[in-house]
Amino acid sequence: MADATAEFFEYLRALGHEPLLDRVTGSVRVEIENGTPMDRWLITIDKGDIRVTHRNAKADCTVRLHKTLFEELAQGKANAMASLLRGTLAIDGNYELLVLFQRVFPGPQAGAAGR
C-alpha cells in the first residue's frame, strides 16, 4: 500500500484550486510525528487556490498529530474535529482554519463513522 500521507499532499498539489475553500485565505502547517525529525507540510490557501510545500514556516494554524492518525484522516477513516476533541490531534492558532481545511479530506467510509 502506498503512503497515504504523500498521496494526500500530492493530491492537494495537483488540485491547485478547491471551490469549497473559495472564501478561505490562510495557512496551515501540518506537523506529523513519526520519529525524529518531524515531517512538516505547509498548505497556503488563497481564496481556494492551494499551494503545498515542505517549508517549516510560520502559519495561521499549526496541527500536530501522529502519522497513523494523519493517514486515517487522508483515507477518510478519521475526522479531524473528533480527533481534536479526543486529544489525539493538537492545534495552535486559528481553529476555524482547521474546520475549513477539513473539507479537503475524504468523507467517512462505511463503518468508519465517528473515528
Protein backbone atom coordinates (compact mmCIF):
# COMPACT_ATOMS: atom_id res chain seq x y z
CA MET A 1 0.00 0.00 0.00
CA ALA A 2 1.30 3.44 -0.93
CA ASP A 3 1.92 6.12 1.69
CA ALA A 4 -1.44 7.85 2.24
CA THR A 5 0.27 10.99 3.57
CA ALA A 6 2.36 11.52 0.43
CA GLU A 7 -0.63 10.71 -1.77
CA PHE A 8 -2.81 13.25 0.07
CA PHE A 9 -0.32 16.10 -0.27
CA GLU A 10 0.34 15.21 -3.91
CA TYR A 11 -3.44 15.29 -4.48
CA LEU A 12 -3.59 18.79 -2.94
CA ARG A 13 -0.68 19.96 -5.11
CA ALA A 14 -2.36 18.64 -8.25
CA LEU A 15 -5.74 20.05 -7.23
CA GLY A 16 -4.50 23.62 -7.32
CA HIS A 17 -7.93 25.10 -6.56
CA GLU A 18 -10.70 23.83 -4.29
CA PRO A 19 -14.09 25.56 -4.75
CA LEU A 20 -15.11 24.57 -1.19
CA LEU A 21 -12.36 26.92 0.01
CA ASP A 22 -13.21 29.90 -2.25
CA ARG A 23 -13.76 32.13 0.80
CA VAL A 24 -10.70 30.93 2.69
CA THR A 25 -7.34 32.66 2.95
CA GLY A 26 -4.71 31.45 5.39
CA SER A 27 -2.00 28.91 6.03
CA VAL A 28 -1.96 25.57 7.81
CA ARG A 29 1.23 23.86 8.93
CA VAL A 30 0.85 20.13 9.49
CA GLU A 31 3.46 18.57 11.78
CA ILE A 32 3.37 14.79 11.52
CA GLU A 33 5.12 12.82 14.26
CA ASN A 34 6.83 9.68 13.05
CA GLY A 35 10.12 9.70 14.86
CA THR A 36 12.71 12.43 14.62
CA PRO A 37 12.76 14.77 12.76
CA MET A 38 9.10 15.63 12.44
CA ASP A 39 7.60 15.72 8.93
CA ARG A 40 6.25 19.23 8.21
CA TRP A 41 3.98 20.45 5.42
CA LEU A 42 2.80 24.00 4.78
CA ILE A 43 -0.52 24.47 2.99
CA THR A 44 -1.27 28.00 1.85
CA ILE A 45 -4.83 28.79 0.79
CA ASP A 46 -5.69 31.98 -1.10
CA LYS A 47 -9.39 32.13 -1.95
CA GLY A 48 -9.41 28.44 -2.83
CA ASP A 49 -6.02 28.37 -4.54
CA ILE A 50 -3.89 25.78 -2.74
CA ARG A 51 -0.12 25.64 -2.57
CA VAL A 52 1.72 22.84 -0.76
CA THR A 53 5.37 22.92 0.33
CA HIS A 54 7.63 21.17 2.82
CA ARG A 55 8.62 24.53 4.35
CA ASN A 56 8.80 24.89 8.11
CA ALA A 57 7.36 28.39 8.16
CA LYS A 58 5.04 30.27 10.47
CA ALA A 59 1.36 29.55 9.77
CA ASP A 60 -2.03 30.83 10.89
CA CYS A 61 -2.86 27.34 12.18
CA THR A 62 -0.49 24.57 13.22
CA VAL A 63 -1.76 21.00 13.54
CA ARG A 64 0.28 18.28 15.29
CA LEU A 65 -0.57 14.60 15.11
CA HIS A 66 0.92 11.15 14.72
CA LYS A 67 1.46 9.74 11.23
CA THR A 68 -1.01 6.90 11.86
CA LEU A 69 -3.80 9.39 12.60
CA PHE A 70 -2.91 11.56 9.60
CA GLU A 71 -3.07 8.52 7.32
CA GLU A 72 -6.53 7.74 8.72
CA LEU A 73 -7.64 11.33 8.01
CA ALA A 74 -6.20 11.16 4.49
CA GLN A 75 -8.12 7.93 3.83
CA GLY A 76 -11.44 9.13 5.26
CA LYS A 77 -11.20 6.78 8.25
CA ALA A 78 -10.98 9.52 10.89
CA ASN A 79 -12.36 13.01 11.47
CA ALA A 80 -10.11 15.96 12.38
CA MET A 81 -12.58 17.60 14.78
CA ALA A 82 -13.37 14.34 16.57
CA SER A 83 -9.61 13.72 16.87
CA LEU A 84 -9.13 17.21 18.32
CA LEU A 85 -11.83 16.59 20.92
CA ARG A 86 -10.27 13.22 21.79
CA GLY A 87 -6.88 14.85 22.28
CA THR A 88 -5.11 12.84 19.57
CA LEU A 89 -4.64 15.96 17.44
CA ALA A 90 -3.27 19.24 18.78
CA ILE A 91 -3.78 22.67 17.27
CA ASP A 92 -2.25 26.12 17.77
CA GLY A 93 -3.61 29.25 16.18
CA ASN A 94 -6.77 29.74 14.17
CA TYR A 95 -9.15 26.84 14.95
CA GLU A 96 -11.53 27.96 12.20
CA LEU A 97 -8.89 27.13 9.58
CA LEU A 98 -8.87 23.51 10.79
CA VAL A 99 -12.65 23.36 10.42
CA LEU A 100 -12.40 24.76 6.89
CA PHE A 101 -9.30 22.74 5.90
CA GLN A 102 -11.08 19.57 6.98
CA ARG A 103 -13.19 19.94 3.81
CA VAL A 104 -10.31 18.67 1.65
CA PHE A 105 -10.13 15.33 3.48
CA PRO A 106 -12.20 12.50 2.02
CA GLY A 107 -15.55 11.78 3.63
CA PRO A 108 -16.03 8.89 6.06
CA GLN A 109 -16.02 5.39 4.71
CA ALA A 110 -18.69 2.86 5.60
CA GLY A 111 -18.02 1.52 9.09
CA ALA A 112 -15.59 4.32 9.98
CA ALA A 113 -18.08 6.90 11.29
CA GLY A 114 -17.02 8.80 14.40
CA ARG A 115 -13.43 7.61 14.39
